[in-house]
Amino acid sequence: MLFYKRLIFLLLPSFINEAVGFVNGFLPFPPWGLQVPQGSTLGSCAGPQVSAVVVLLRLTPLDITAARDAMTLWTFDDISRILHDRASQVEGDNLYNLFIVERFLPSDEFIQAINALTVVQKGHIGELSIGGRSFVLDQIMNGIILSLPEEVQVKSRNFMELMKTLVCLHSTLQEPPLY
């Protein structure tokens, strides 16, 4: 709810786009929660930043399938190598593109923390993943990420956002945009 000059606005998620125009008539600028950049190139799978990373990495359908498999079994070694190889090939007039991509690559500490899980734990994670228990998996992943140093936590969360985007692309059978 937004409170402005004794008026109460209840914005429902399905009406956010229409609400922005309505709210703009009363407020000098849209509220921070409504300032969402438009035009994501990956549809509902990703926001603009992650979309830019996927496009810059030039991921193939095989890479996206590898990402889905990595998310299912939490074996991030191979996909980490693939992403780092693709990042080393990022082109650009300046280092900005490389900086954007680097923010979404996994850190070594995160990969080591995931690899420290036992075979039994990874088997249970695989069962949860196949069973579609994403809420429980998110809790486990949040616990692992919170056990890492703060600077690594940010990169780890960004990496997981990228991985969820790649899984979404795989499940919707979308390919990354052509370059």
N, C-alpha and C. Protein backbone atom coordinates (compact mmCIF):
# COMPACT_ATOMS: atom_id res chain seq x y z
N MET A 1 0.84 -1.17 0.00
CA MET A 1 0.00 0.00 0.00
C MET A 1 0.88 1.24 0.00
N LEU A 2 0.45 2.21 -0.70
CA LEU A 2 1.15 3.48 -0.72
C LEU A 2 0.27 4.53 -0.05
N PHE A 3 0.84 5.28 0.86
CA PHE A 3 0.11 6.35 1.53
C PHE A 3 0.65 7.68 1.02
N TYR A 4 -0.20 8.49 0.44
CA TYR A 4 0.24 9.77 -0.07
C TYR A 4 -0.93 10.75 0.06
N LYS A 5 -0.74 11.78 0.86
CA LYS A 5 -1.76 12.81 1.07
C LYS A 5 -3.13 12.21 1.40
N ARG A 6 -3.13 11.31 2.37
CA ARG A 6 -4.35 10.68 2.88
C ARG A 6 -5.06 9.80 1.87
N LEU A 7 -4.43 9.49 0.77
CA LEU A 7 -5.01 8.56 -0.19
C LEU A 7 -4.29 7.22 -0.02
N ILE A 8 -5.03 6.17 -0.10
CA ILE A 8 -4.43 4.84 0.04
C ILE A 8 -4.54 4.14 -1.31
N PHE A 9 -3.39 3.71 -1.81
CA PHE A 9 -3.34 2.97 -3.07
C PHE A 9 -2.97 1.53 -2.74
N LEU A 10 -3.76 0.59 -3.17
CA LEU A 10 -3.43 -0.82 -3.04
C LEU A 10 -3.05 -1.30 -4.43
N LEU A 11 -1.78 -1.65 -4.59
CA LEU A 11 -1.29 -2.07 -5.90
C LEU A 11 -1.17 -3.58 -5.92
N LEU A 12 -1.93 -4.22 -6.75
CA LEU A 12 -1.85 -5.66 -6.90
C LEU A 12 -0.83 -5.97 -7.98
N PRO A 13 -0.12 -7.09 -7.86
CA PRO A 13 0.92 -7.41 -8.84
C PRO A 13 0.42 -7.44 -10.27
N SER A 14 -0.80 -7.89 -10.50
CA SER A 14 -1.29 -7.98 -11.87
C SER A 14 -1.60 -6.61 -12.47
N PHE A 15 -1.70 -5.59 -11.63
CA PHE A 15 -2.03 -4.26 -12.12
C PHE A 15 -0.87 -3.28 -12.00
N ILE A 16 0.33 -3.77 -11.78
CA ILE A 16 1.46 -2.86 -11.53
C ILE A 16 1.72 -1.96 -12.73
N ASN A 17 1.68 -2.51 -13.95
CA ASN A 17 1.97 -1.68 -15.12
C ASN A 17 0.95 -0.56 -15.26
N GLU A 18 -0.34 -0.87 -15.03
CA GLU A 18 -1.35 0.16 -15.11
C GLU A 18 -1.23 1.13 -13.94
N ALA A 19 -0.82 0.62 -12.78
CA ALA A 19 -0.72 1.44 -11.59
C ALA A 19 0.38 2.48 -11.71
N VAL A 20 1.44 2.16 -12.44
CA VAL A 20 2.54 3.12 -12.57
C VAL A 20 2.03 4.40 -13.21
N GLY A 21 1.25 4.26 -14.27
CA GLY A 21 0.70 5.45 -14.91
C GLY A 21 -0.25 6.20 -14.00
N PHE A 22 -1.06 5.46 -13.24
CA PHE A 22 -2.00 6.08 -12.31
C PHE A 22 -1.27 6.80 -11.19
N VAL A 23 -0.27 6.14 -10.62
CA VAL A 23 0.48 6.73 -9.51
C VAL A 23 1.29 7.92 -10.00
N ASN A 24 1.82 7.86 -11.23
CA ASN A 24 2.61 8.97 -11.74
C ASN A 24 1.80 10.26 -11.82
N GLY A 25 0.49 10.14 -11.95
CA GLY A 25 -0.33 11.34 -11.97
C GLY A 25 -0.36 12.04 -10.63
N PHE A 26 -0.08 11.33 -9.54
CA PHE A 26 -0.14 11.90 -8.20
C PHE A 26 1.23 12.14 -7.58
N LEU A 27 2.20 11.34 -7.97
CA LEU A 27 3.53 11.45 -7.38
C LEU A 27 4.51 12.04 -8.39
N PRO A 28 5.53 12.75 -7.93
CA PRO A 28 6.49 13.32 -8.86
C PRO A 28 7.34 12.25 -9.55
N PHE A 29 7.49 11.10 -8.98
CA PHE A 29 8.23 9.99 -9.58
C PHE A 29 7.62 8.69 -9.07
N PRO A 30 7.77 7.58 -9.81
CA PRO A 30 7.20 6.32 -9.33
C PRO A 30 7.94 5.83 -8.09
N PRO A 31 7.25 5.17 -7.17
CA PRO A 31 7.91 4.62 -5.99
C PRO A 31 9.03 3.67 -6.39
N TRP A 32 10.02 3.50 -5.52
CA TRP A 32 11.19 2.68 -5.85
C TRP A 32 10.80 1.27 -6.25
N GLY A 33 9.79 0.71 -5.60
CA GLY A 33 9.37 -0.65 -5.92
C GLY A 33 8.79 -0.78 -7.31
N LEU A 34 8.35 0.32 -7.89
CA LEU A 34 7.76 0.28 -9.22
C LEU A 34 8.73 0.70 -10.31
N GLN A 35 9.94 1.08 -9.96
CA GLN A 35 10.92 1.50 -10.96
C GLN A 35 11.64 0.28 -11.51
N VAL A 36 10.94 -0.51 -12.28
CA VAL A 36 11.49 -1.72 -12.88
C VAL A 36 11.74 -1.44 -14.35
N PRO A 37 12.99 -1.58 -14.80
CA PRO A 37 13.26 -1.34 -16.21
C PRO A 37 12.46 -2.29 -17.09
N GLN A 38 11.96 -1.79 -18.18
CA GLN A 38 11.17 -2.60 -19.10
C GLN A 38 12.07 -3.17 -20.19
N GLY A 39 11.56 -4.17 -20.89
CA GLY A 39 12.24 -4.67 -22.08
C GLY A 39 13.26 -5.75 -21.84
N SER A 40 13.06 -6.63 -20.88
CA SER A 40 13.96 -7.75 -20.68
C SER A 40 13.96 -8.62 -21.93
N THR A 41 15.12 -9.00 -22.40
CA THR A 41 15.21 -9.77 -23.63
C THR A 41 14.92 -11.24 -23.43
N LEU A 42 14.77 -11.71 -22.20
CA LEU A 42 14.51 -13.12 -21.95
C LEU A 42 13.12 -13.36 -21.40
N GLY A 43 12.21 -12.46 -21.65
CA GLY A 43 10.84 -12.64 -21.21
C GLY A 43 10.72 -12.67 -19.71
N SER A 44 9.95 -13.62 -19.22
CA SER A 44 9.70 -13.70 -17.78
C SER A 44 10.80 -14.43 -17.03
N CYS A 45 11.80 -14.93 -17.72
CA CYS A 45 12.86 -15.70 -17.06
C CYS A 45 13.86 -14.83 -16.33
N ALA A 46 14.07 -13.60 -16.75
CA ALA A 46 15.15 -12.82 -16.15
C ALA A 46 14.89 -11.34 -16.22
N GLY A 47 15.53 -10.64 -15.31
CA GLY A 47 15.54 -9.19 -15.34
C GLY A 47 16.59 -8.70 -16.32
N PRO A 48 16.70 -7.40 -16.47
CA PRO A 48 17.62 -6.83 -17.46
C PRO A 48 19.09 -7.17 -17.22
N GLN A 49 19.54 -7.17 -15.96
CA GLN A 49 20.95 -7.45 -15.70
C GLN A 49 21.31 -8.88 -16.06
N VAL A 50 20.49 -9.83 -15.61
CA VAL A 50 20.78 -11.23 -15.90
C VAL A 50 20.64 -11.50 -17.40
N SER A 51 19.68 -10.85 -18.04
CA SER A 51 19.53 -10.99 -19.49
C SER A 51 20.80 -10.54 -20.21
N ALA A 52 21.35 -9.42 -19.77
CA ALA A 52 22.59 -8.93 -20.38
C ALA A 52 23.73 -9.92 -20.19
N VAL A 53 23.81 -10.54 -19.02
CA VAL A 53 24.87 -11.51 -18.76
C VAL A 53 24.72 -12.73 -19.65
N VAL A 54 23.49 -13.23 -19.79
CA VAL A 54 23.25 -14.40 -20.64
C VAL A 54 23.63 -14.09 -22.08
N VAL A 55 23.28 -12.92 -22.56
CA VAL A 55 23.61 -12.54 -23.93
C VAL A 55 25.12 -12.38 -24.09
N LEU A 56 25.78 -11.73 -23.12
CA LEU A 56 27.23 -11.53 -23.21
C LEU A 56 28.00 -12.84 -23.16
N LEU A 57 27.50 -13.82 -22.41
CA LEU A 57 28.20 -15.11 -22.30
C LEU A 57 28.03 -15.98 -23.53
N ARG A 58 27.07 -15.67 -24.37
CA ARG A 58 26.81 -16.44 -25.59
C ARG A 58 26.66 -17.93 -25.29
N LEU A 59 25.75 -18.24 -24.40
CA LEU A 59 25.53 -19.62 -23.99
C LEU A 59 24.77 -20.39 -25.05
N THR A 60 25.17 -21.63 -25.25
CA THR A 60 24.52 -22.51 -26.22
C THR A 60 23.42 -23.30 -25.51
N PRO A 61 22.54 -23.95 -26.28
CA PRO A 61 21.53 -24.82 -25.65
C PRO A 61 22.17 -25.93 -24.80
N LEU A 62 23.34 -26.43 -25.20
CA LEU A 62 24.02 -27.44 -24.39
C LEU A 62 24.48 -26.86 -23.05
N ASP A 63 24.92 -25.61 -23.06
CA ASP A 63 25.31 -24.94 -21.81
C ASP A 63 24.11 -24.79 -20.89
N ILE A 64 22.96 -24.46 -21.46
CA ILE A 64 21.75 -24.29 -20.66
C ILE A 64 21.31 -25.63 -20.08
N THR A 65 21.45 -26.70 -20.85
CA THR A 65 21.13 -28.03 -20.34
C THR A 65 22.09 -28.42 -19.22
N ALA A 66 23.37 -28.08 -19.37
CA ALA A 66 24.36 -28.36 -18.32
C ALA A 66 24.01 -27.58 -17.05
N ALA A 67 23.52 -26.37 -17.21
CA ALA A 67 23.12 -25.57 -16.04
C ALA A 67 21.93 -26.21 -15.33
N ARG A 68 20.97 -26.70 -16.10
CA ARG A 68 19.82 -27.37 -15.50
C ARG A 68 20.26 -28.62 -14.73
N ASP A 69 21.16 -29.40 -15.32
CA ASP A 69 21.66 -30.60 -14.64
C ASP A 69 22.43 -30.24 -13.38
N ALA A 70 23.20 -29.16 -13.44
CA ALA A 70 23.97 -28.71 -12.27
C ALA A 70 23.03 -28.28 -11.14
N MET A 71 21.95 -27.61 -11.49
CA MET A 71 20.99 -27.18 -10.47
C MET A 71 20.24 -28.36 -9.87
N THR A 72 20.02 -29.40 -10.66
CA THR A 72 19.30 -30.56 -10.15
C THR A 72 20.12 -31.31 -9.11
N LEU A 73 21.41 -31.50 -9.40
CA LEU A 73 22.26 -32.31 -8.53
C LEU A 73 23.26 -31.50 -7.72
N TRP A 74 23.24 -30.20 -7.87
CA TRP A 74 24.17 -29.31 -7.17
C TRP A 74 25.62 -29.71 -7.42
N THR A 75 25.94 -29.93 -8.66
CA THR A 75 27.31 -30.18 -9.07
C THR A 75 27.71 -29.01 -9.96
N PHE A 76 28.26 -27.99 -9.35
CA PHE A 76 28.51 -26.74 -10.06
C PHE A 76 29.91 -26.63 -10.66
N ASP A 77 30.74 -27.66 -10.52
CA ASP A 77 32.11 -27.59 -11.05
C ASP A 77 32.12 -27.37 -12.56
N ASP A 78 31.39 -28.22 -13.28
CA ASP A 78 31.41 -28.14 -14.74
C ASP A 78 30.82 -26.84 -15.26
N ILE A 79 29.67 -26.46 -14.74
CA ILE A 79 29.04 -25.22 -15.22
C ILE A 79 29.88 -24.01 -14.84
N SER A 80 30.58 -24.08 -13.72
CA SER A 80 31.48 -22.99 -13.33
C SER A 80 32.60 -22.85 -14.36
N ARG A 81 33.17 -23.99 -14.77
CA ARG A 81 34.22 -23.96 -15.80
C ARG A 81 33.69 -23.40 -17.11
N ILE A 82 32.50 -23.84 -17.50
CA ILE A 82 31.89 -23.36 -18.75
C ILE A 82 31.69 -21.85 -18.69
N LEU A 83 31.13 -21.36 -17.58
CA LEU A 83 30.87 -19.93 -17.45
C LEU A 83 32.16 -19.12 -17.44
N HIS A 84 33.19 -19.61 -16.76
CA HIS A 84 34.47 -18.89 -16.74
C HIS A 84 35.11 -18.89 -18.13
N ASP A 85 35.00 -20.01 -18.87
CA ASP A 85 35.52 -20.05 -20.24
C ASP A 85 34.79 -19.05 -21.13
N ARG A 86 33.47 -19.02 -21.01
CA ARG A 86 32.69 -18.07 -21.81
C ARG A 86 33.00 -16.63 -21.42
N ALA A 87 33.21 -16.39 -20.14
CA ALA A 87 33.51 -15.03 -19.68
C ALA A 87 34.86 -14.56 -20.21
N SER A 88 35.79 -15.49 -20.38
CA SER A 88 37.10 -15.09 -20.92
C SER A 88 37.01 -14.68 -22.38
N GLN A 89 35.90 -15.03 -23.04
CA GLN A 89 35.70 -14.67 -24.44
C GLN A 89 34.80 -13.46 -24.64
N VAL A 90 34.37 -12.84 -23.53
CA VAL A 90 33.48 -11.68 -23.63
C VAL A 90 34.21 -10.55 -24.32
N GLU A 91 33.52 -9.98 -25.30
CA GLU A 91 34.10 -8.88 -26.06
C GLU A 91 33.43 -7.58 -25.66
N GLY A 92 34.13 -6.52 -25.85
CA GLY A 92 33.54 -5.22 -25.56
C GLY A 92 34.54 -4.12 -25.80
N ASP A 93 34.02 -2.92 -25.97
CA ASP A 93 34.89 -1.77 -26.18
C ASP A 93 35.63 -1.39 -24.91
N ASN A 94 35.06 -1.72 -23.79
CA ASN A 94 35.69 -1.40 -22.51
C ASN A 94 35.55 -2.60 -21.58
N LEU A 95 35.95 -2.43 -20.37
CA LEU A 95 35.90 -3.52 -19.40
C LEU A 95 34.54 -3.64 -18.72
N TYR A 96 33.60 -2.78 -19.07
CA TYR A 96 32.30 -2.79 -18.41
C TYR A 96 31.57 -4.12 -18.62
N ASN A 97 31.59 -4.65 -19.86
CA ASN A 97 30.93 -5.93 -20.11
C ASN A 97 31.53 -7.04 -19.27
N LEU A 98 32.84 -7.05 -19.17
CA LEU A 98 33.51 -8.07 -18.36
C LEU A 98 33.15 -7.90 -16.88
N PHE A 99 33.05 -6.66 -16.43
CA PHE A 99 32.66 -6.38 -15.05
C PHE A 99 31.26 -6.91 -14.76
N ILE A 100 30.32 -6.69 -15.69
CA ILE A 100 28.95 -7.17 -15.51
C ILE A 100 28.93 -8.69 -15.40
N VAL A 101 29.63 -9.35 -16.30
CA VAL A 101 29.64 -10.81 -16.31
C VAL A 101 30.31 -11.35 -15.06
N GLU A 102 31.40 -10.72 -14.64
CA GLU A 102 32.17 -11.21 -13.49
C GLU A 102 31.34 -11.21 -12.21
N ARG A 103 30.40 -10.29 -12.09
CA ARG A 103 29.55 -10.22 -10.90
C ARG A 103 28.68 -11.45 -10.75
N PHE A 104 28.41 -12.18 -11.85
CA PHE A 104 27.51 -13.33 -11.81
C PHE A 104 28.24 -14.66 -11.87
N LEU A 105 29.55 -14.65 -11.89
CA LEU A 105 30.31 -15.90 -11.90
C LEU A 105 30.48 -16.40 -10.47
N PRO A 106 30.51 -17.72 -10.29
CA PRO A 106 30.65 -18.26 -8.92
C PRO A 106 32.07 -18.08 -8.40
N SER A 107 32.18 -17.88 -7.11
CA SER A 107 33.50 -17.77 -6.49
C SER A 107 34.00 -19.17 -6.14
N ASP A 108 35.30 -19.30 -5.96
CA ASP A 108 35.89 -20.58 -5.59
C ASP A 108 35.38 -21.04 -4.22
N GLU A 109 35.20 -20.09 -3.30
CA GLU A 109 34.72 -20.44 -1.96
C GLU A 109 33.33 -21.06 -2.01
N PHE A 110 32.47 -20.53 -2.88
CA PHE A 110 31.12 -21.07 -3.01
C PHE A 110 31.17 -22.50 -3.56
N ILE A 111 31.97 -22.70 -4.60
CA ILE A 111 32.10 -24.03 -5.20
C ILE A 111 32.66 -25.02 -4.17
N GLN A 112 33.64 -24.59 -3.38
CA GLN A 112 34.21 -25.46 -2.35
C GLN A 112 33.17 -25.80 -1.28
N ALA A 113 32.34 -24.83 -0.91
CA ALA A 113 31.30 -25.09 0.10
C ALA A 113 30.28 -26.11 -0.42
N ILE A 114 29.93 -26.02 -1.68
CA ILE A 114 28.99 -26.99 -2.26
C ILE A 114 29.65 -28.36 -2.37
N ASN A 115 30.92 -28.38 -2.76
CA ASN A 115 31.63 -29.66 -2.89
C ASN A 115 31.87 -30.32 -1.54
N ALA A 116 31.81 -29.55 -0.45
CA ALA A 116 32.02 -30.11 0.88
C ALA A 116 30.83 -30.94 1.36
N LEU A 117 29.70 -30.84 0.67
CA LEU A 117 28.55 -31.66 1.03
C LEU A 117 28.88 -33.13 0.78
N THR A 118 28.36 -33.99 1.64
CA THR A 118 28.63 -35.42 1.49
C THR A 118 27.79 -36.01 0.36
N VAL A 119 28.12 -37.23 -0.04
CA VAL A 119 27.37 -37.92 -1.09
C VAL A 119 25.92 -38.13 -0.65
N VAL A 120 25.72 -38.45 0.61
CA VAL A 120 24.36 -38.64 1.13
C VAL A 120 23.57 -37.34 1.06
N GLN A 121 24.21 -36.22 1.44
CA GLN A 121 23.53 -34.93 1.38
C GLN A 121 23.17 -34.56 -0.06
N LYS A 122 24.11 -34.78 -0.98
CA LYS A 122 23.83 -34.46 -2.39
C LYS A 122 22.74 -35.38 -2.95
N GLY A 123 22.71 -36.63 -2.50
CA GLY A 123 21.64 -37.53 -2.92
C GLY A 123 20.29 -37.04 -2.45
N HIS A 124 20.23 -36.59 -1.21
CA HIS A 124 18.98 -36.03 -0.67
C HIS A 124 18.58 -34.77 -1.44
N ILE A 125 19.56 -33.94 -1.76
CA ILE A 125 19.28 -32.72 -2.53
C ILE A 125 18.74 -33.09 -3.91
N GLY A 126 19.31 -34.12 -4.53
CA GLY A 126 18.80 -34.58 -5.82
C GLY A 126 17.36 -35.05 -5.73
N GLU A 127 17.02 -35.78 -4.65
CA GLU A 127 15.65 -36.23 -4.45
C GLU A 127 14.70 -35.05 -4.27
N LEU A 128 15.14 -34.06 -3.49
CA LEU A 128 14.31 -32.86 -3.29
C LEU A 128 14.11 -32.13 -4.61
N SER A 129 15.16 -32.04 -5.40
CA SER A 129 15.09 -31.33 -6.67
C SER A 129 14.15 -32.04 -7.64
N ILE A 130 14.28 -33.35 -7.73
CA ILE A 130 13.41 -34.11 -8.62
C ILE A 130 11.96 -34.05 -8.14
N GLY A 131 11.77 -34.01 -6.82
CA GLY A 131 10.43 -33.91 -6.25
C GLY A 131 9.83 -32.52 -6.32
N GLY A 132 10.59 -31.55 -6.82
CA GLY A 132 10.07 -30.19 -6.97
C GLY A 132 9.96 -29.42 -5.67
N ARG A 133 10.76 -29.75 -4.69
CA ARG A 133 10.71 -29.09 -3.37
C ARG A 133 11.63 -27.87 -3.37
N SER A 134 11.32 -26.90 -4.20
CA SER A 134 12.20 -25.74 -4.38
C SER A 134 12.32 -24.88 -3.13
N PHE A 135 11.27 -24.79 -2.31
CA PHE A 135 11.35 -23.97 -1.10
C PHE A 135 12.39 -24.54 -0.14
N VAL A 136 12.39 -25.86 0.03
CA VAL A 136 13.36 -26.50 0.91
C VAL A 136 14.77 -26.34 0.35
N LEU A 137 14.91 -26.49 -0.95
CA LEU A 137 16.22 -26.31 -1.59
C LEU A 137 16.73 -24.88 -1.42
N ASP A 138 15.83 -23.92 -1.54
CA ASP A 138 16.22 -22.52 -1.34
C ASP A 138 16.70 -22.28 0.08
N GLN A 139 16.04 -22.91 1.05
CA GLN A 139 16.47 -22.77 2.44
C GLN A 139 17.87 -23.35 2.65
N ILE A 140 18.11 -24.52 2.08
CA ILE A 140 19.43 -25.15 2.21
C ILE A 140 20.49 -24.26 1.56
N MET A 141 20.19 -23.77 0.35
CA MET A 141 21.16 -22.93 -0.36
C MET A 141 21.41 -21.64 0.40
N ASN A 142 20.37 -21.04 0.95
CA ASN A 142 20.55 -19.81 1.74
C ASN A 142 21.44 -20.06 2.94
N GLY A 143 21.29 -21.22 3.58
CA GLY A 143 22.16 -21.57 4.71
C GLY A 143 23.61 -21.68 4.30
N ILE A 144 23.85 -22.31 3.16
CA ILE A 144 25.23 -22.45 2.67
C ILE A 144 25.80 -21.08 2.33
N ILE A 145 25.01 -20.26 1.65
CA ILE A 145 25.49 -18.93 1.26
C ILE A 145 25.75 -18.07 2.49
N LEU A 146 24.89 -18.14 3.49
CA LEU A 146 25.08 -17.35 4.71
C LEU A 146 26.32 -17.78 5.50
N SER A 147 26.79 -19.00 5.28
CA SER A 147 27.98 -19.46 5.99
C SER A 147 29.27 -18.92 5.36
N LEU A 148 29.15 -18.26 4.23
CA LEU A 148 30.32 -17.72 3.52
C LEU A 148 30.57 -16.27 3.94
N PRO A 149 31.79 -15.76 3.69
CA PRO A 149 32.06 -14.34 3.97
C PRO A 149 31.13 -13.43 3.15
N GLU A 150 30.90 -12.23 3.66
CA GLU A 150 29.91 -11.33 3.04
C GLU A 150 30.21 -11.01 1.58
N GLU A 151 31.47 -10.78 1.24
CA GLU A 151 31.78 -10.44 -0.15
C GLU A 151 31.52 -11.61 -1.09
N VAL A 152 31.61 -12.83 -0.58
CA VAL A 152 31.34 -14.02 -1.38
C VAL A 152 29.83 -14.26 -1.47
N GLN A 153 29.10 -13.86 -0.45
CA GLN A 153 27.65 -14.05 -0.44
C GLN A 153 26.98 -13.34 -1.62
N VAL A 154 27.43 -12.14 -1.91
CA VAL A 154 26.82 -11.36 -3.00
C VAL A 154 27.03 -12.08 -4.33
N LYS A 155 28.27 -12.51 -4.58
CA LYS A 155 28.55 -13.23 -5.83
C LYS A 155 27.77 -14.53 -5.90
N SER A 156 27.64 -15.21 -4.76
CA SER A 156 26.94 -16.49 -4.74
C SER A 156 25.46 -16.30 -5.04
N ARG A 157 24.86 -15.26 -4.48
CA ARG A 157 23.44 -14.99 -4.76
C ARG A 157 23.24 -14.61 -6.23
N ASN A 158 24.16 -13.81 -6.77
CA ASN A 158 24.08 -13.46 -8.19
C ASN A 158 24.20 -14.70 -9.07
N PHE A 159 25.13 -15.58 -8.71
CA PHE A 159 25.32 -16.81 -9.47
C PHE A 159 24.05 -17.67 -9.43
N MET A 160 23.44 -17.79 -8.27
CA MET A 160 22.22 -18.59 -8.17
C MET A 160 21.08 -17.95 -8.97
N GLU A 161 21.04 -16.63 -9.03
CA GLU A 161 20.04 -15.95 -9.86
C GLU A 161 20.27 -16.29 -11.33
N LEU A 162 21.53 -16.29 -11.76
CA LEU A 162 21.86 -16.67 -13.13
C LEU A 162 21.47 -18.12 -13.40
N MET A 163 21.76 -19.00 -12.46
CA MET A 163 21.44 -20.42 -12.64
C MET A 163 19.92 -20.63 -12.73
N LYS A 164 19.16 -19.95 -11.90
CA LYS A 164 17.70 -20.08 -11.95
C LYS A 164 17.16 -19.57 -13.28
N THR A 165 17.79 -18.53 -13.81
CA THR A 165 17.40 -18.02 -15.12
C THR A 165 17.66 -19.04 -16.20
N LEU A 166 18.82 -19.70 -16.14
CA LEU A 166 19.15 -20.70 -17.14
C LEU A 166 18.21 -21.90 -17.05
N VAL A 167 17.83 -22.29 -15.84
CA VAL A 167 16.85 -23.37 -15.68
C VAL A 167 15.50 -22.95 -16.25
N CYS A 168 15.11 -21.71 -16.03
CA CYS A 168 13.86 -21.20 -16.59
C CYS A 168 13.91 -21.22 -18.11
N LEU A 169 15.03 -20.80 -18.68
CA LEU A 169 15.18 -20.84 -20.14
C LEU A 169 15.05 -22.27 -20.65
N HIS A 170 15.64 -23.21 -19.93
CA HIS A 170 15.56 -24.61 -20.34
C HIS A 170 14.13 -25.12 -20.26
N SER A 171 13.44 -24.78 -19.18
CA SER A 171 12.08 -25.30 -18.99
C SER A 171 11.08 -24.66 -19.95
N THR A 172 11.33 -23.45 -20.39
CA THR A 172 10.43 -22.81 -21.35
C THR A 172 10.89 -23.04 -22.78
N LEU A 173 11.97 -23.79 -22.93
CA LEU A 173 12.52 -24.12 -24.24
C LEU A 173 12.89 -22.88 -25.04
N GLN A 174 13.33 -21.86 -24.34
CA GLN A 174 13.80 -20.65 -25.02
C GLN A 174 15.30 -20.76 -25.21
N GLU A 175 15.75 -20.26 -26.29
CA GLU A 175 17.18 -20.15 -26.49
C GLU A 175 17.56 -18.70 -26.24
N PRO A 176 18.82 -18.46 -25.85
CA PRO A 176 19.25 -17.08 -25.68
C PRO A 176 19.10 -16.33 -27.01
N PRO A 177 18.95 -15.04 -26.96
CA PRO A 177 18.82 -14.26 -28.20
C PRO A 177 20.06 -14.41 -29.07
N LEU A 178 19.86 -14.27 -30.36
CA LEU A 178 21.00 -14.33 -31.28
C LEU A 178 21.87 -13.11 -31.10
N TYR A 179 23.15 -13.28 -31.31
CA TYR A 179 24.07 -12.17 -31.12
C TYR A 179 24.37 -11.55 -32.45
